[in-house]
Amino acid sequence: MSKSKSADRRISELEDEVARLEDRIEAIEDIFSPSIVDRQTSHVNAKRSDARDKLSKGDERTVSIFDPPGHGTDPDSGVGKIEGIVTFVNCDGLDVEKNDVVECRITNVLPNAAHAVAIEKVGER
């Protein structure tokens, strides 16, 4: 067999393997709820960038809460994303539910996450 045919066959085998892997990834994603996949994707993306490049302490931002207070380790904090950065928002005193939008003030920015305090609830997404 010539080198060209051997290389073509290897390329074809690799393309088949990529297709099989894509099918497996899709099947795995179908097992998990979208919020779990979103959280994991956010975690991976956060490792690639530095939140301090996008957010600063004292900034006021609007955020949609995808994980409302009472569902995590802190009963007063909800979780949202600001410019793709996972942001833990203290919603104490506000009746915040999933997909509610709040105006918040950034209180701390870490390399891969931020903390904020909700100022007011401004609507639903």
C-alpha atoms as a PDB file:
ATOM      1  CA  MET A   1       0.000   0.000   0.000  1.00  0.00           C
ATOM      2  CA  SER A   2       1.353   3.420  -0.871  1.00  0.00           C
ATOM      3  CA  LYS A   3       2.006   6.062   1.759  1.00  0.00           C
ATOM      4  CA  SER A   4      -0.770   8.210   0.297  1.00  0.00           C
ATOM      5  CA  LYS A   5      -3.380   5.447   0.583  1.00  0.00           C
ATOM      6  CA  SER A   6      -2.161   4.607   4.084  1.00  0.00           C
ATOM      7  CA  ALA A   7      -2.444   8.257   5.132  1.00  0.00           C
ATOM      8  CA  ASP A   8      -5.908   8.528   3.563  1.00  0.00           C
ATOM      9  CA  ARG A   9      -7.031   5.416   5.412  1.00  0.00           C
ATOM     10  CA  ARG A  10      -5.672   6.783   8.719  1.00  0.00           C
ATOM     11  CA  ILE A  11      -7.442  10.110   8.160  1.00  0.00           C
ATOM     12  CA  SER A  12     -10.676   8.259   7.479  1.00  0.00           C
ATOM     13  CA  GLU A  13     -10.234   6.208  10.671  1.00  0.00           C
ATOM     14  CA  LEU A  14      -9.634   9.372  12.685  1.00  0.00           C
ATOM     15  CA  GLU A  15     -12.691  11.067  11.189  1.00  0.00           C
ATOM     16  CA  ASP A  16     -14.776   8.020  12.144  1.00  0.00           C
ATOM     17  CA  GLU A  17     -13.377   8.161  15.685  1.00  0.00           C
ATOM     18  CA  VAL A  18     -14.214  11.873  15.981  1.00  0.00           C
ATOM     19  CA  ALA A  19     -17.784  11.135  14.855  1.00  0.00           C
ATOM     20  CA  ARG A  20     -18.090   8.347  17.459  1.00  0.00           C
ATOM     21  CA  LEU A  21     -16.745  10.641  20.193  1.00  0.00           C
ATOM     22  CA  GLU A  22     -19.144  13.431  19.213  1.00  0.00           C
ATOM     23  CA  ASP A  23     -22.044  10.953  19.461  1.00  0.00           C
ATOM     24  CA  ARG A  24     -20.860   9.846  22.913  1.00  0.00           C
ATOM     25  CA  ILE A  25     -20.545  13.444  24.128  1.00  0.00           C
ATOM     26  CA  GLU A  26     -24.046  14.230  22.891  1.00  0.00           C
ATOM     27  CA  ALA A  27     -25.404  11.140  24.666  1.00  0.00           C
ATOM     28  CA  ILE A  28     -23.674  12.128  27.913  1.00  0.00           C
ATOM     29  CA  GLU A  29     -25.002  15.692  27.683  1.00  0.00           C
ATOM     30  CA  ASP A  30     -28.523  14.312  27.213  1.00  0.00           C
ATOM     31  CA  ILE A  31     -28.221  12.494  30.557  1.00  0.00           C
ATOM     32  CA  PHE A  32     -27.589  15.697  32.523  1.00  0.00           C
ATOM     33  CA  SER A  33     -29.958  18.587  32.982  1.00  0.00           C
ATOM     34  CA  PRO A  34     -29.018  21.744  31.064  1.00  0.00           C
ATOM     35  CA  SER A  35     -28.218  23.603  34.299  1.00  0.00           C
ATOM     36  CA  ILE A  36     -25.601  21.007  35.259  1.00  0.00           C
ATOM     37  CA  VAL A  37     -23.996  21.206  31.818  1.00  0.00           C
ATOM     38  CA  ASP A  38     -24.108  25.040  31.988  1.00  0.00           C
ATOM     39  CA  ARG A  39     -22.430  25.049  35.393  1.00  0.00           C
ATOM     40  CA  GLN A  40     -19.674  22.723  34.260  1.00  0.00           C
ATOM     41  CA  THR A  41     -19.150  24.691  31.058  1.00  0.00           C
ATOM     42  CA  SER A  42     -18.925  27.899  33.094  1.00  0.00           C
ATOM     43  CA  HIS A  43     -16.368  26.283  35.360  1.00  0.00           C
ATOM     44  CA  VAL A  44     -14.209  25.227  32.419  1.00  0.00           C
ATOM     45  CA  ASN A  45     -14.519  28.639  30.753  1.00  0.00           C
ATOM     46  CA  ALA A  46     -13.695  30.436  34.007  1.00  0.00           C
ATOM     47  CA  LYS A  47     -10.395  28.611  34.188  1.00  0.00           C
ATOM     48  CA  ARG A  48      -9.483  30.085  30.797  1.00  0.00           C
ATOM     49  CA  SER A  49      -9.968  33.732  31.766  1.00  0.00           C
ATOM     50  CA  ASP A  50      -9.509  36.080  34.694  1.00  0.00           C
ATOM     51  CA  ALA A  51     -12.679  37.653  36.065  1.00  0.00           C
ATOM     52  CA  ARG A  52     -10.645  40.625  37.296  1.00  0.00           C
ATOM     53  CA  ASP A  53     -10.215  41.678  33.653  1.00  0.00           C
ATOM     54  CA  LYS A  54     -13.986  42.170  33.314  1.00  0.00           C
ATOM     55  CA  LEU A  55     -15.288  43.099  36.779  1.00  0.00           C
ATOM     56  CA  SER A  56     -14.170  45.417  39.552  1.00  0.00           C
ATOM     57  CA  LYS A  57     -15.216  45.832  43.156  1.00  0.00           C
ATOM     58  CA  GLY A  58     -17.979  48.431  43.346  1.00  0.00           C
ATOM     59  CA  ASP A  59     -19.305  47.842  39.818  1.00  0.00           C
ATOM     60  CA  GLU A  60     -23.100  47.746  39.578  1.00  0.00           C
ATOM     61  CA  ARG A  61     -24.390  45.121  37.171  1.00  0.00           C
ATOM     62  CA  THR A  62     -27.587  43.338  36.204  1.00  0.00           C
ATOM     63  CA  VAL A  63     -27.615  39.561  36.533  1.00  0.00           C
ATOM     64  CA  SER A  64     -30.118  36.755  35.918  1.00  0.00           C
ATOM     65  CA  ILE A  65     -30.161  34.262  38.792  1.00  0.00           C
ATOM     66  CA  PHE A  66     -30.070  30.681  37.501  1.00  0.00           C
ATOM     67  CA  ASP A  67     -29.581  29.045  40.921  1.00  0.00           C
ATOM     68  CA  PRO A  68     -31.758  30.863  43.454  1.00  0.00           C
ATOM     69  CA  PRO A  69     -31.032  31.371  47.161  1.00  0.00           C
ATOM     70  CA  GLY A  70     -31.635  28.378  49.374  1.00  0.00           C
ATOM     71  CA  HIS A  71     -30.262  25.840  46.903  1.00  0.00           C
ATOM     72  CA  GLY A  72     -26.560  26.046  47.767  1.00  0.00           C
ATOM     73  CA  THR A  73     -24.454  26.132  50.892  1.00  0.00           C
ATOM     74  CA  ASP A  74     -25.371  29.777  51.617  1.00  0.00           C
ATOM     75  CA  PRO A  75     -29.145  30.116  52.038  1.00  0.00           C
ATOM     76  CA  ASP A  76     -29.053  33.847  51.171  1.00  0.00           C
ATOM     77  CA  SER A  77     -26.945  33.626  47.991  1.00  0.00           C
ATOM     78  CA  GLY A  78     -28.091  32.943  44.476  1.00  0.00           C
ATOM     79  CA  VAL A  79     -25.861  32.241  41.502  1.00  0.00           C
ATOM     80  CA  GLY A  80     -25.807  34.021  38.165  1.00  0.00           C
ATOM     81  CA  LYS A  81     -23.340  34.929  35.440  1.00  0.00           C
ATOM     82  CA  ILE A  82     -22.043  38.356  34.541  1.00  0.00           C
ATOM     83  CA  GLU A  83     -20.186  38.367  31.221  1.00  0.00           C
ATOM     84  CA  GLY A  84     -19.755  34.602  31.609  1.00  0.00           C
ATOM     85  CA  ILE A  85     -18.321  34.915  35.130  1.00  0.00           C
ATOM     86  CA  VAL A  86     -20.008  32.894  37.861  1.00  0.00           C
ATOM     87  CA  THR A  87     -21.253  35.409  40.403  1.00  0.00           C
ATOM     88  CA  PHE A  88     -22.522  34.583  43.875  1.00  0.00           C
ATOM     89  CA  VAL A  89     -25.164  37.181  44.753  1.00  0.00           C
ATOM     90  CA  ASN A  90     -26.293  37.762  48.328  1.00  0.00           C
ATOM     91  CA  CYS A  91     -30.041  38.234  47.926  1.00  0.00           C
ATOM     92  CA  ASP A  92     -30.859  38.595  51.632  1.00  0.00           C
ATOM     93  CA  GLY A  93     -34.139  40.469  52.041  1.00  0.00           C
ATOM     94  CA  LEU A  94     -35.294  39.977  48.445  1.00  0.00           C
ATOM     95  CA  ASP A  95     -37.698  37.297  47.240  1.00  0.00           C
ATOM     96  CA  VAL A  96     -35.515  35.997  44.388  1.00  0.00           C
ATOM     97  CA  GLU A  97     -36.418  32.926  42.371  1.00  0.00           C
ATOM     98  CA  LYS A  98     -34.907  31.141  39.386  1.00  0.00           C
ATOM     99  CA  ASN A  99     -34.560  33.413  36.315  1.00  0.00           C
ATOM    100  CA  ASP A 100     -35.231  36.586  38.302  1.00  0.00           C
ATOM    101  CA  VAL A 101     -33.069  39.538  37.288  1.00  0.00           C
ATOM    102  CA  VAL A 102     -31.417  41.629  39.995  1.00  0.00           C
ATOM    103  CA  GLU A 103     -29.285  44.739  40.041  1.00  0.00           C
ATOM    104  CA  CYS A 104     -26.222  44.042  42.179  1.00  0.00           C
ATOM    105  CA  ARG A 105     -23.002  45.618  43.413  1.00  0.00           C
ATOM    106  CA  ILE A 106     -19.770  43.637  43.076  1.00  0.00           C
ATOM    107  CA  THR A 107     -18.145  43.151  46.494  1.00  0.00           C
ATOM    108  CA  ASN A 108     -15.229  40.868  45.625  1.00  0.00           C
ATOM    109  CA  VAL A 109     -13.625  39.616  42.422  1.00  0.00           C
ATOM    110  CA  LEU A 110     -11.515  36.464  42.330  1.00  0.00           C
ATOM    111  CA  PRO A 111      -9.662  35.040  39.323  1.00  0.00           C
ATOM    112  CA  ASN A 112     -12.572  32.788  38.342  1.00  0.00           C
ATOM    113  CA  ALA A 113     -15.648  34.104  40.185  1.00  0.00           C
ATOM    114  CA  ALA A 114     -17.188  37.156  41.775  1.00  0.00           C
ATOM    115  CA  HIS A 115     -19.304  37.974  44.809  1.00  0.00           C
ATOM    116  CA  ALA A 116     -22.007  40.613  44.880  1.00  0.00           C
ATOM    117  CA  VAL A 117     -24.886  41.928  46.944  1.00  0.00           C
ATOM    118  CA  ALA A 118     -28.305  42.406  45.363  1.00  0.00           C
ATOM    119  CA  ILE A 119     -29.578  45.989  45.375  1.00  0.00           C
ATOM    120  CA  GLU A 120     -33.016  45.340  43.913  1.00  0.00           C
ATOM    121  CA  LYS A 121     -35.025  42.851  41.924  1.00  0.00           C
ATOM    122  CA  VAL A 122     -35.698  44.305  38.473  1.00  0.00           C
ATOM    123  CA  GLY A 123     -37.700  41.580  36.743  1.00  0.00           C
ATOM    124  CA  GLU A 124     -37.666  38.137  35.240  1.00  0.00           C
ATOM    125  CA  ARG A 125     -35.699  36.831  32.286  1.00  0.00           C
END
